[in-house]
Structures are given as C-alpha cells and as structure tokens.
Amino acid sequence: MKDKADRASAIANTQKEAEKIAKELSEKSGGGEVRIHKPNGGPIRDSDTVAPGNDSNPPKDKKN
C-alpha cells in the first residue's frame, strides 16, 4: 500500500505473494523501499530497496 493510501493496492493469499506484488508495484512506480511486516500489520521484520530506489543503508558486501 502506498504511503497515505486509503485502500490496499492489491490483496494476496500468502506473504510471499504479497512481497512479490509489492516489489513489482514499487518497480513500476520508480522504485523505493518495500517493508515486510509481521502478520496483522505487526512490526517491520525486513525491508528491501527496489531499484532505482536509494538505499540509505546498503549491504556491506555490495558497492553502489
């Protein structure tokens, strides 16, 4: 769901499917950060940058 959206951009049956859809939507809209929450909107458990987004904390094993 986009920031400040009134409704979900998509509905998925599994978290894996939801993550895939979110990354595709982010890529289509110019990239950015995809945050993966625990079930039921709990705390963020992972975060991925979708190109050409700007990762403020890139992995140490990759160079920009």
PDB file of N, CA and C in Angstrom:
ATOM      1  N   MET A   1       0.843  -1.163   0.000  1.00  0.00           N
ATOM      2  CA  MET A   1       0.000   0.000   0.000  1.00  0.00           C
ATOM      3  C   MET A   1       0.899   1.242   0.000  1.00  0.00           C
ATOM      4  N   LYS A   2       0.567   2.185  -0.847  1.00  0.00           N
ATOM      5  CA  LYS A   2       1.337   3.426  -0.905  1.00  0.00           C
ATOM      6  C   LYS A   2       1.139   4.212   0.388  1.00  0.00           C
ATOM      7  N   ASP A   3       2.150   5.024   0.735  1.00  0.00           N
ATOM      8  CA  ASP A   3       2.012   5.892   1.892  1.00  0.00           C
ATOM      9  C   ASP A   3       0.767   6.751   1.748  1.00  0.00           C
ATOM     10  N   LYS A   4       0.035   6.894   2.817  1.00  0.00           N
ATOM     11  CA  LYS A   4      -1.167   7.726   2.885  1.00  0.00           C
ATOM     12  C   LYS A   4      -2.296   7.253   1.967  1.00  0.00           C
ATOM     13  N   ALA A   5      -2.289   5.990   1.561  1.00  0.00           N
ATOM     14  CA  ALA A   5      -3.354   5.446   0.713  1.00  0.00           C
ATOM     15  C   ALA A   5      -4.584   5.120   1.564  1.00  0.00           C
ATOM     16  N   ASP A   6      -5.746   5.212   0.944  1.00  0.00           N
ATOM     17  CA  ASP A   6      -6.988   4.906   1.640  1.00  0.00           C
ATOM     18  C   ASP A   6      -7.347   3.424   1.586  1.00  0.00           C
ATOM     19  N   ARG A   7      -6.742   2.704   0.616  1.00  0.00           N
ATOM     20  CA  ARG A   7      -7.051   1.283   0.489  1.00  0.00           C
ATOM     21  C   ARG A   7      -5.821   0.547  -0.029  1.00  0.00           C
ATOM     22  N   ALA A   8      -5.846  -0.767   0.088  1.00  0.00           N
ATOM     23  CA  ALA A   8      -4.730  -1.592  -0.361  1.00  0.00           C
ATOM     24  C   ALA A   8      -4.608  -1.566  -1.880  1.00  0.00           C
ATOM     25  N   SER A   9      -3.391  -1.628  -2.387  1.00  0.00           N
ATOM     26  CA  SER A   9      -3.146  -1.672  -3.828  1.00  0.00           C
ATOM     27  C   SER A   9      -3.426  -3.050  -4.397  1.00  0.00           C
ATOM     28  N   ALA A  10      -3.320  -4.081  -3.572  1.00  0.00           N
ATOM     29  CA  ALA A  10      -3.551  -5.463  -4.005  1.00  0.00           C
ATOM     30  C   ALA A  10      -3.815  -6.315  -2.770  1.00  0.00           C
ATOM     31  N   ILE A  11      -4.381  -7.499  -3.009  1.00  0.00           N
ATOM     32  CA  ILE A  11      -4.620  -8.467  -1.939  1.00  0.00           C
ATOM     33  C   ILE A  11      -3.984  -9.781  -2.377  1.00  0.00           C
ATOM     34  N   ALA A  12      -3.266 -10.432  -1.472  1.00  0.00           N
ATOM     35  CA  ALA A  12      -2.581 -11.685  -1.784  1.00  0.00           C
ATOM     36  C   ALA A  12      -2.978 -12.757  -0.772  1.00  0.00           C
ATOM     37  N   ASN A  13      -2.819 -14.006  -1.170  1.00  0.00           N
ATOM     38  CA  ASN A  13      -3.154 -15.124  -0.285  1.00  0.00           C
ATOM     39  C   ASN A  13      -2.029 -15.481   0.668  1.00  0.00           C
ATOM     40  N   THR A  14      -0.795 -15.187   0.283  1.00  0.00           N
ATOM     41  CA  THR A  14       0.347 -15.506   1.133  1.00  0.00           C
ATOM     42  C   THR A  14       1.252 -14.283   1.253  1.00  0.00           C
ATOM     43  N   GLN A  15       2.084 -14.281   2.288  1.00  0.00           N
ATOM     44  CA  GLN A  15       3.009 -13.167   2.469  1.00  0.00           C
ATOM     45  C   GLN A  15       4.045 -13.143   1.339  1.00  0.00           C
ATOM     46  N   LYS A  16       4.460 -14.313   0.874  1.00  0.00           N
ATOM     47  CA  LYS A  16       5.423 -14.386  -0.220  1.00  0.00           C
ATOM     48  C   LYS A  16       4.842 -13.738  -1.489  1.00  0.00           C
ATOM     49  N   GLU A  17       3.577 -14.043  -1.777  1.00  0.00           N
ATOM     50  CA  GLU A  17       2.907 -13.459  -2.937  1.00  0.00           C
ATOM     51  C   GLU A  17       2.751 -11.948  -2.755  1.00  0.00           C
ATOM     52  N   ALA A  18       2.417 -11.511  -1.544  1.00  0.00           N
ATOM     53  CA  ALA A  18       2.261 -10.077  -1.267  1.00  0.00           C
ATOM     54  C   ALA A  18       3.576  -9.334  -1.456  1.00  0.00           C
ATOM     55  N   GLU A  19       4.686  -9.943  -1.019  1.00  0.00           N
ATOM     56  CA  GLU A  19       6.000  -9.326  -1.181  1.00  0.00           C
ATOM     57  C   GLU A  19       6.348  -9.179  -2.660  1.00  0.00           C
ATOM     58  N   LYS A  20       6.051 -10.206  -3.456  1.00  0.00           N
ATOM     59  CA  LYS A  20       6.321 -10.161  -4.894  1.00  0.00           C
ATOM     60  C   LYS A  20       5.512  -9.044  -5.561  1.00  0.00           C
ATOM     61  N   ILE A  21       4.224  -8.954  -5.224  1.00  0.00           N
ATOM     62  CA  ILE A  21       3.360  -7.917  -5.796  1.00  0.00           C
ATOM     63  C   ILE A  21       3.866  -6.530  -5.393  1.00  0.00           C
ATOM     64  N   ALA A  22       4.225  -6.365  -4.128  1.00  0.00           N
ATOM     65  CA  ALA A  22       4.703  -5.064  -3.639  1.00  0.00           C
ATOM     66  C   ALA A  22       5.962  -4.625  -4.373  1.00  0.00           C
ATOM     67  N   LYS A  23       6.875  -5.567  -4.605  1.00  0.00           N
ATOM     68  CA  LYS A  23       8.114  -5.230  -5.316  1.00  0.00           C
ATOM     69  C   LYS A  23       7.828  -4.873  -6.773  1.00  0.00           C
ATOM     70  N   GLU A  24       6.891  -5.574  -7.406  1.00  0.00           N
ATOM     71  CA  GLU A  24       6.522  -5.257  -8.792  1.00  0.00           C
ATOM     72  C   GLU A  24       5.880  -3.873  -8.871  1.00  0.00           C
ATOM     73  N   LEU A  25       4.975  -3.560  -7.944  1.00  0.00           N
ATOM     74  CA  LEU A  25       4.329  -2.250  -7.933  1.00  0.00           C
ATOM     75  C   LEU A  25       5.352  -1.140  -7.679  1.00  0.00           C
ATOM     76  N   SER A  26       6.285  -1.388  -6.773  1.00  0.00           N
ATOM     77  CA  SER A  26       7.317  -0.399  -6.482  1.00  0.00           C
ATOM     78  C   SER A  26       8.199  -0.153  -7.700  1.00  0.00           C
ATOM     79  N   GLU A  27       8.563  -1.218  -8.388  1.00  0.00           N
ATOM     80  CA  GLU A  27       9.406  -1.092  -9.582  1.00  0.00           C
ATOM     81  C   GLU A  27       8.683  -0.278 -10.664  1.00  0.00           C
ATOM     82  N   LYS A  28       7.389  -0.543 -10.849  1.00  0.00           N
ATOM     83  CA  LYS A  28       6.606   0.175 -11.864  1.00  0.00           C
ATOM     84  C   LYS A  28       6.467   1.653 -11.543  1.00  0.00           C
ATOM     85  N   SER A  29       6.512   2.008 -10.261  1.00  0.00           N
ATOM     86  CA  SER A  29       6.334   3.409  -9.876  1.00  0.00           C
ATOM     87  C   SER A  29       7.656   4.119  -9.613  1.00  0.00           C
ATOM     88  N   GLY A  30       8.768   3.539 -10.053  1.00  0.00           N
ATOM     89  CA  GLY A  30      10.052   4.222  -9.942  1.00  0.00           C
ATOM     90  C   GLY A  30      10.948   3.754  -8.823  1.00  0.00           C
ATOM     91  N   GLY A  31      10.617   2.642  -8.206  1.00  0.00           N
ATOM     92  CA  GLY A  31      11.463   2.085  -7.162  1.00  0.00           C
ATOM     93  C   GLY A  31      11.172   2.677  -5.798  1.00  0.00           C
ATOM     94  N   GLY A  32      11.856   2.157  -4.808  1.00  0.00           N
ATOM     95  CA  GLY A  32      11.675   2.639  -3.443  1.00  0.00           C
ATOM     96  C   GLY A  32      11.856   1.523  -2.441  1.00  0.00           C
ATOM     97  N   GLU A  33      11.336   1.729  -1.275  1.00  0.00           N
ATOM     98  CA  GLU A  33      11.516   0.796  -0.168  1.00  0.00           C
ATOM     99  C   GLU A  33      10.259  -0.051   0.019  1.00  0.00           C
ATOM    100  N   VAL A  34      10.440  -1.381   0.093  1.00  0.00           N
ATOM    101  CA  VAL A  34       9.335  -2.305   0.384  1.00  0.00           C
ATOM    102  C   VAL A  34       9.592  -2.843   1.786  1.00  0.00           C
ATOM    103  N   ARG A  35       8.644  -2.605   2.668  1.00  0.00           N
ATOM    104  CA  ARG A  35       8.784  -3.052   4.058  1.00  0.00           C
ATOM    105  C   ARG A  35       7.878  -4.248   4.303  1.00  0.00           C
ATOM    106  N   ILE A  36       8.461  -5.304   4.859  1.00  0.00           N
ATOM    107  CA  ILE A  36       7.730  -6.535   5.124  1.00  0.00           C
ATOM    108  C   ILE A  36       7.421  -6.581   6.618  1.00  0.00           C
ATOM    109  N   HIS A  37       6.125  -6.574   6.941  1.00  0.00           N
ATOM    110  CA  HIS A  37       5.685  -6.578   8.330  1.00  0.00           C
ATOM    111  C   HIS A  37       5.379  -7.999   8.798  1.00  0.00           C
ATOM    112  N   LYS A  38       5.370  -8.167  10.088  1.00  0.00           N
ATOM    113  CA  LYS A  38       4.884  -9.418  10.666  1.00  0.00           C
ATOM    114  C   LYS A  38       3.382  -9.482  10.417  1.00  0.00           C
ATOM    115  N   PRO A  39       2.768 -10.650  10.560  1.00  0.00           N
ATOM    116  CA  PRO A  39       1.331 -10.784  10.313  1.00  0.00           C
ATOM    117  C   PRO A  39       0.488  -9.755  11.065  1.00  0.00           C
ATOM    118  N   ASN A  40      -0.646  -9.412  10.475  1.00  0.00           N
ATOM    119  CA  ASN A  40      -1.616  -8.484  11.056  1.00  0.00           C
ATOM    120  C   ASN A  40      -1.055  -7.083  11.281  1.00  0.00           C
ATOM    121  N   GLY A  41      -0.117  -6.665  10.403  1.00  0.00           N
ATOM    122  CA  GLY A  41       0.406  -5.302  10.482  1.00  0.00           C
ATOM    123  C   GLY A  41       1.366  -5.073  11.628  1.00  0.00           C
ATOM    124  N   GLY A  42       1.929  -6.123  12.148  1.00  0.00           N
ATOM    125  CA  GLY A  42       2.881  -6.014  13.251  1.00  0.00           C
ATOM    126  C   GLY A  42       4.136  -5.256  12.839  1.00  0.00           C
ATOM    127  N   PRO A  43       5.162  -5.290  13.684  1.00  0.00           N
ATOM    128  CA  PRO A  43       6.376  -4.535  13.391  1.00  0.00           C
ATOM    129  C   PRO A  43       7.061  -4.995  12.101  1.00  0.00           C
ATOM    130  N   ILE A  44       7.853  -4.114  11.530  1.00  0.00           N
ATOM    131  CA  ILE A  44       8.599  -4.432  10.308  1.00  0.00           C
ATOM    132  C   ILE A  44       9.635  -5.498  10.638  1.00  0.00           C
ATOM    133  N   ARG A  45       9.678  -6.565   9.832  1.00  0.00           N
ATOM    134  CA  ARG A  45      10.663  -7.628  10.064  1.00  0.00           C
ATOM    135  C   ARG A  45      11.749  -7.641   9.010  1.00  0.00           C
ATOM    136  N   ASP A  46      11.517  -6.939   7.878  1.00  0.00           N
ATOM    137  CA  ASP A  46      12.514  -6.869   6.820  1.00  0.00           C
ATOM    138  C   ASP A  46      12.178  -5.688   5.919  1.00  0.00           C
ATOM    139  N   SER A  47      13.170  -5.219   5.188  1.00  0.00           N
ATOM    140  CA  SER A  47      12.979  -4.092   4.291  1.00  0.00           C
ATOM    141  C   SER A  47      13.898  -4.283   3.085  1.00  0.00           C
ATOM    142  N   ASP A  48      13.367  -4.080   1.897  1.00  0.00           N
ATOM    143  CA  ASP A  48      14.153  -4.234   0.670  1.00  0.00           C
ATOM    144  C   ASP A  48      14.017  -2.985  -0.182  1.00  0.00           C
ATOM    145  N   THR A  49      15.119  -2.556  -0.802  1.00  0.00           N
ATOM    146  CA  THR A  49      15.087  -1.434  -1.725  1.00  0.00           C
ATOM    147  C   THR A  49      14.910  -1.969  -3.131  1.00  0.00           C
ATOM    148  N   VAL A  50      13.952  -1.404  -3.860  1.00  0.00           N
ATOM    149  CA  VAL A  50      13.688  -1.791  -5.239  1.00  0.00           C
ATOM    150  C   VAL A  50      14.278  -0.712  -6.139  1.00  0.00           C
ATOM    151  N   ALA A  51      15.145  -1.109  -7.064  1.00  0.00           N
ATOM    152  CA  ALA A  51      15.809  -0.157  -7.959  1.00  0.00           C
ATOM    153  C   ALA A  51      14.787   0.621  -8.761  1.00  0.00           C
ATOM    154  N   PRO A  52      15.035   1.865  -9.084  1.00  0.00           N
ATOM    155  CA  PRO A  52      16.254   2.621  -8.797  1.00  0.00           C
ATOM    156  C   PRO A  52      16.189   3.376  -7.481  1.00  0.00           C
ATOM    157  N   GLY A  53      15.566   2.821  -6.484  1.00  0.00           N
ATOM    158  CA  GLY A  53      15.479   3.466  -5.177  1.00  0.00           C
ATOM    159  C   GLY A  53      16.847   3.726  -4.589  1.00  0.00           C
ATOM    160  N   ASN A  54      16.904   4.606  -3.625  1.00  0.00           N
ATOM    161  CA  ASN A  54      18.166   4.966  -2.985  1.00  0.00           C
ATOM    162  C   ASN A  54      18.224   4.314  -1.615  1.00  0.00           C
ATOM    163  N   ASP A  55      19.053   3.296  -1.481  1.00  0.00           N
ATOM    164  CA  ASP A  55      19.190   2.559  -0.230  1.00  0.00           C
ATOM    165  C   ASP A  55      20.127   3.326   0.693  1.00  0.00           C
ATOM    166  N   SER A  56      19.588   3.860   1.782  1.00  0.00           N
ATOM    167  CA  SER A  56      20.397   4.629   2.723  1.00  0.00           C
ATOM    168  C   SER A  56      21.305   3.744   3.581  1.00  0.00           C
ATOM    169  N   ASN A  57      21.081   2.436   3.545  1.00  0.00           N
ATOM    170  CA  ASN A  57      21.882   1.509   4.330  1.00  0.00           C
ATOM    171  C   ASN A  57      22.145   0.248   3.499  1.00  0.00           C
ATOM    172  N   PRO A  58      22.977   0.368   2.414  1.00  0.00           N
ATOM    173  CA  PRO A  58      23.203  -0.786   1.553  1.00  0.00           C
ATOM    174  C   PRO A  58      23.964  -1.910   2.231  1.00  0.00           C
ATOM    175  N   PRO A  59      23.810  -3.143   1.752  1.00  0.00           N
ATOM    176  CA  PRO A  59      24.575  -4.254   2.324  1.00  0.00           C
ATOM    177  C   PRO A  59      26.075  -3.996   2.202  1.00  0.00           C
ATOM    178  N   LYS A  60      26.828  -4.413   3.185  1.00  0.00           N
ATOM    179  CA  LYS A  60      28.273  -4.164   3.187  1.00  0.00           C
ATOM    180  C   LYS A  60      29.009  -4.955   2.109  1.00  0.00           C
ATOM    181  N   ASP A  61      28.397  -6.039   1.600  1.00  0.00           N
ATOM    182  CA  ASP A  61      29.059  -6.867   0.570  1.00  0.00           C
ATOM    183  C   ASP A  61      28.811  -6.342  -0.846  1.00  0.00           C
ATOM    184  N   LYS A  62      28.041  -5.268  -0.988  1.00  0.00           N
ATOM    185  CA  LYS A  62      27.771  -4.703  -2.312  1.00  0.00           C
ATOM    186  C   LYS A  62      28.191  -3.253  -2.347  1.00  0.00           C
ATOM    187  N   LYS A  63      28.755  -2.839  -3.470  1.00  0.00           N
ATOM    188  CA  LYS A  63      29.156  -1.444  -3.627  1.00  0.00           C
ATOM    189  C   LYS A  63      28.207  -0.760  -4.583  1.00  0.00           C
ATOM    190  N   ASN A  64      27.883   0.495  -4.303  1.00  0.00           N
ATOM    191  CA  ASN A  64      26.996   1.267  -5.180  1.00  0.00           C
ATOM    192  C   ASN A  64      27.779   1.939  -6.273  1.00  0.00           C
TER     193      ASN A  64
END
